[in-house]
Amino acid sequence: MRLILLLCVAGAMGVLVRFAVMKMTAGASFPWGTIVVNLLGCFLFGVILVVLPRHFNLTRESEIGVVLLAGFMGALTTFSTYAFDLYSLYEQGRWGAMTGYFSIQNGGGMLLFCLGLVTGKFY
């Protein structure tokens, strides 16, 4: 029961951060909010994967690992919105924007995940 409550709290915090970012970028002609939350999520995920075992002797399967990675990060990031945004750009015939969006999300996500892993080693 404790884990479920912690997941709920972490998930609520993650979704509130995502909501705030989406509000700040609302009205843009490009899906910047989705990019920001997904790239931030990739970076933080990498940091957390390194920091948990190195400094707290915890794994991603530990209660704190599950709460941070599945709860907070799961609510912060959004693959479904990414897929919808990509499809919307396709429907609008914005091929260049669609290609750029795909590249930023995937290439940037992997780059920031790796940067998070490296950054986590400095803590």
C-alpha atoms as a PDB file:
ATOM      1  CA  MET A   1       0.000   0.000   0.000  1.00  0.00           C
ATOM      2  CA  ARG A   2       2.881   2.349   0.836  1.00  0.00           C
ATOM      3  CA  LEU A   3       4.413   1.881  -2.613  1.00  0.00           C
ATOM      4  CA  ILE A   4       1.095   2.594  -4.319  1.00  0.00           C
ATOM      5  CA  LEU A   5       0.664   5.834  -2.354  1.00  0.00           C
ATOM      6  CA  LEU A   6       4.224   6.914  -3.148  1.00  0.00           C
ATOM      7  CA  LEU A   7       3.658   6.151  -6.828  1.00  0.00           C
ATOM      8  CA  CYS A   8       0.489   8.249  -6.767  1.00  0.00           C
ATOM      9  CA  VAL A   9       2.285  11.211  -5.194  1.00  0.00           C
ATOM     10  CA  ALA A  10       5.271  10.947  -7.557  1.00  0.00           C
ATOM     11  CA  GLY A  11       2.965  10.537 -10.550  1.00  0.00           C
ATOM     12  CA  ALA A  12       0.971  13.599  -9.510  1.00  0.00           C
ATOM     13  CA  MET A  13       4.178  15.625  -9.211  1.00  0.00           C
ATOM     14  CA  GLY A  14       5.367  14.448 -12.624  1.00  0.00           C
ATOM     15  CA  VAL A  15       2.098  15.285 -14.325  1.00  0.00           C
ATOM     16  CA  LEU A  16       2.028  18.735 -12.688  1.00  0.00           C
ATOM     17  CA  VAL A  17       5.502  19.492 -14.027  1.00  0.00           C
ATOM     18  CA  ARG A  18       4.428  18.269 -17.476  1.00  0.00           C
ATOM     19  CA  PHE A  19       1.259  20.378 -17.306  1.00  0.00           C
ATOM     20  CA  ALA A  20       3.274  23.484 -16.379  1.00  0.00           C
ATOM     21  CA  VAL A  21       5.688  22.971 -19.272  1.00  0.00           C
ATOM     22  CA  MET A  22       2.812  22.378 -21.702  1.00  0.00           C
ATOM     23  CA  LYS A  23       1.091  25.581 -20.507  1.00  0.00           C
ATOM     24  CA  MET A  24       4.298  27.594 -20.941  1.00  0.00           C
ATOM     25  CA  THR A  25       4.661  26.398 -24.532  1.00  0.00           C
ATOM     26  CA  ALA A  26       0.974  26.446 -25.499  1.00  0.00           C
ATOM     27  CA  GLY A  27       0.189  28.212 -28.729  1.00  0.00           C
ATOM     28  CA  ALA A  28       3.550  27.468 -30.326  1.00  0.00           C
ATOM     29  CA  SER A  29       3.420  26.229 -33.900  1.00  0.00           C
ATOM     30  CA  PHE A  30       5.773  23.380 -32.949  1.00  0.00           C
ATOM     31  CA  PRO A  31       5.326  20.850 -30.104  1.00  0.00           C
ATOM     32  CA  TRP A  32       8.072  22.283 -27.875  1.00  0.00           C
ATOM     33  CA  GLY A  33       6.394  21.219 -24.635  1.00  0.00           C
ATOM     34  CA  THR A  34       6.515  17.551 -25.542  1.00  0.00           C
ATOM     35  CA  ILE A  35      10.150  17.874 -26.574  1.00  0.00           C
ATOM     36  CA  VAL A  36      11.071  19.600 -23.308  1.00  0.00           C
ATOM     37  CA  VAL A  37       9.408  17.041 -21.027  1.00  0.00           C
ATOM     38  CA  ASN A  38      10.701  14.062 -22.984  1.00  0.00           C
ATOM     39  CA  LEU A  39      14.291  15.314 -23.253  1.00  0.00           C
ATOM     40  CA  LEU A  40      14.315  16.413 -19.618  1.00  0.00           C
ATOM     41  CA  GLY A  41      12.943  12.995 -18.711  1.00  0.00           C
ATOM     42  CA  CYS A  42      15.682  11.217 -20.677  1.00  0.00           C
ATOM     43  CA  PHE A  43      18.371  13.269 -18.954  1.00  0.00           C
ATOM     44  CA  LEU A  44      16.947  12.799 -15.450  1.00  0.00           C
ATOM     45  CA  PHE A  45      16.410   9.077 -16.051  1.00  0.00           C
ATOM     46  CA  GLY A  46      20.103   8.704 -16.892  1.00  0.00           C
ATOM     47  CA  VAL A  47      21.162  10.685 -13.816  1.00  0.00           C
ATOM     48  CA  ILE A  48      18.891   8.677 -11.513  1.00  0.00           C
ATOM     49  CA  LEU A  49      20.132   5.343 -12.909  1.00  0.00           C
ATOM     50  CA  VAL A  50      23.684   6.253 -11.917  1.00  0.00           C
ATOM     51  CA  VAL A  51      23.053   8.172  -8.689  1.00  0.00           C
ATOM     52  CA  LEU A  52      20.781   5.594  -7.017  1.00  0.00           C
ATOM     53  CA  PRO A  53      23.281   2.718  -6.877  1.00  0.00           C
ATOM     54  CA  ARG A  54      26.386   4.868  -6.573  1.00  0.00           C
ATOM     55  CA  HIS A  55      25.309   7.102  -3.682  1.00  0.00           C
ATOM     56  CA  PHE A  56      22.338   5.395  -2.102  1.00  0.00           C
ATOM     57  CA  ASN A  57      23.111   1.712  -2.751  1.00  0.00           C
ATOM     58  CA  LEU A  58      19.700   1.368  -4.424  1.00  0.00           C
ATOM     59  CA  THR A  59      18.663  -0.188  -7.709  1.00  0.00           C
ATOM     60  CA  ARG A  60      16.010   0.909 -10.148  1.00  0.00           C
ATOM     61  CA  GLU A  61      13.903  -1.968  -8.780  1.00  0.00           C
ATOM     62  CA  SER A  62      14.066  -0.571  -5.218  1.00  0.00           C
ATOM     63  CA  GLU A  63      11.048   1.265  -3.843  1.00  0.00           C
ATOM     64  CA  ILE A  64      12.655   4.668  -4.410  1.00  0.00           C
ATOM     65  CA  GLY A  65      13.818   3.629  -7.877  1.00  0.00           C
ATOM     66  CA  VAL A  66      10.319   2.531  -8.871  1.00  0.00           C
ATOM     67  CA  VAL A  67       8.756   5.681  -7.428  1.00  0.00           C
ATOM     68  CA  LEU A  68      11.194   8.007  -9.216  1.00  0.00           C
ATOM     69  CA  LEU A  69      11.459   6.185 -12.531  1.00  0.00           C
ATOM     70  CA  ALA A  70       7.989   4.697 -12.988  1.00  0.00           C
ATOM     71  CA  GLY A  71       6.005   7.210 -10.922  1.00  0.00           C
ATOM     72  CA  PHE A  72       7.547  10.632 -11.506  1.00  0.00           C
ATOM     73  CA  MET A  73       9.310  10.001 -14.816  1.00  0.00           C
ATOM     74  CA  GLY A  74       6.408   7.959 -16.196  1.00  0.00           C
ATOM     75  CA  ALA A  75       4.022  10.837 -15.580  1.00  0.00           C
ATOM     76  CA  LEU A  76       6.468  13.530 -16.723  1.00  0.00           C
ATOM     77  CA  THR A  77       7.325  12.029 -20.094  1.00  0.00           C
ATOM     78  CA  THR A  78       4.813  11.171 -22.767  1.00  0.00           C
ATOM     79  CA  PHE A  79       5.243   8.833 -25.691  1.00  0.00           C
ATOM     80  CA  SER A  80       1.596   9.008 -26.684  1.00  0.00           C
ATOM     81  CA  THR A  81       1.701  12.790 -27.078  1.00  0.00           C
ATOM     82  CA  TYR A  82       4.948  12.454 -29.031  1.00  0.00           C
ATOM     83  CA  ALA A  83       3.239  10.006 -31.428  1.00  0.00           C
ATOM     84  CA  PHE A  84       0.212  12.317 -31.759  1.00  0.00           C
ATOM     85  CA  ASP A  85       2.399  15.376 -32.412  1.00  0.00           C
ATOM     86  CA  LEU A  86       4.354  13.472 -35.049  1.00  0.00           C
ATOM     87  CA  TYR A  87       1.124  12.400 -36.741  1.00  0.00           C
ATOM     88  CA  SER A  88      -0.256  15.957 -36.599  1.00  0.00           C
ATOM     89  CA  LEU A  89       2.821  17.313 -38.368  1.00  0.00           C
ATOM     90  CA  TYR A  90       2.398  14.559 -40.986  1.00  0.00           C
ATOM     91  CA  GLU A  91      -1.280  15.439 -41.493  1.00  0.00           C
ATOM     92  CA  GLN A  92      -0.362  19.095 -41.976  1.00  0.00           C
ATOM     93  CA  GLY A  93       2.170  18.103 -44.631  1.00  0.00           C
ATOM     94  CA  ARG A  94       4.990  19.654 -42.614  1.00  0.00           C
ATOM     95  CA  TRP A  95       7.593  17.085 -43.661  1.00  0.00           C
ATOM     96  CA  GLY A  96      10.625  19.102 -42.572  1.00  0.00           C
ATOM     97  CA  ALA A  97       9.115  19.829 -39.161  1.00  0.00           C
ATOM     98  CA  MET A  98       8.071  16.192 -38.819  1.00  0.00           C
ATOM     99  CA  THR A  99      11.592  14.960 -39.643  1.00  0.00           C
ATOM    100  CA  GLY A 100      13.150  17.494 -37.282  1.00  0.00           C
ATOM    101  CA  TYR A 101      10.746  16.582 -34.499  1.00  0.00           C
ATOM    102  CA  PHE A 102      11.464  12.883 -34.937  1.00  0.00           C
ATOM    103  CA  SER A 103      15.213  13.526 -34.940  1.00  0.00           C
ATOM    104  CA  ILE A 104      15.139  15.806 -31.901  1.00  0.00           C
ATOM    105  CA  GLN A 105      12.980  13.426 -29.864  1.00  0.00           C
ATOM    106  CA  ASN A 106      14.928  10.268 -30.707  1.00  0.00           C
ATOM    107  CA  GLY A 107      18.468  11.523 -31.242  1.00  0.00           C
ATOM    108  CA  GLY A 108      18.190  14.163 -28.544  1.00  0.00           C
ATOM    109  CA  GLY A 109      16.580  11.702 -26.165  1.00  0.00           C
ATOM    110  CA  MET A 110      19.415   9.205 -26.516  1.00  0.00           C
ATOM    111  CA  LEU A 111      22.038  11.949 -26.298  1.00  0.00           C
ATOM    112  CA  LEU A 112      20.515  13.421 -23.147  1.00  0.00           C
ATOM    113  CA  PHE A 113      20.049   9.984 -21.589  1.00  0.00           C
ATOM    114  CA  CYS A 114      23.783   9.314 -22.094  1.00  0.00           C
ATOM    115  CA  LEU A 115      24.634  12.804 -20.840  1.00  0.00           C
ATOM    116  CA  GLY A 116      22.533  12.045 -17.761  1.00  0.00           C
ATOM    117  CA  LEU A 117      24.513   8.850 -17.173  1.00  0.00           C
ATOM    118  CA  VAL A 118      27.780  10.795 -17.403  1.00  0.00           C
ATOM    119  CA  THR A 119      26.444  13.641 -15.248  1.00  0.00           C
ATOM    120  CA  GLY A 120      25.281  11.183 -12.596  1.00  0.00           C
ATOM    121  CA  LYS A 121      28.856   9.950 -12.212  1.00  0.00           C
ATOM    122  CA  PHE A 122      29.929  13.403 -11.022  1.00  0.00           C
ATOM    123  CA  TYR A 123      27.625  13.330  -7.988  1.00  0.00           C
END
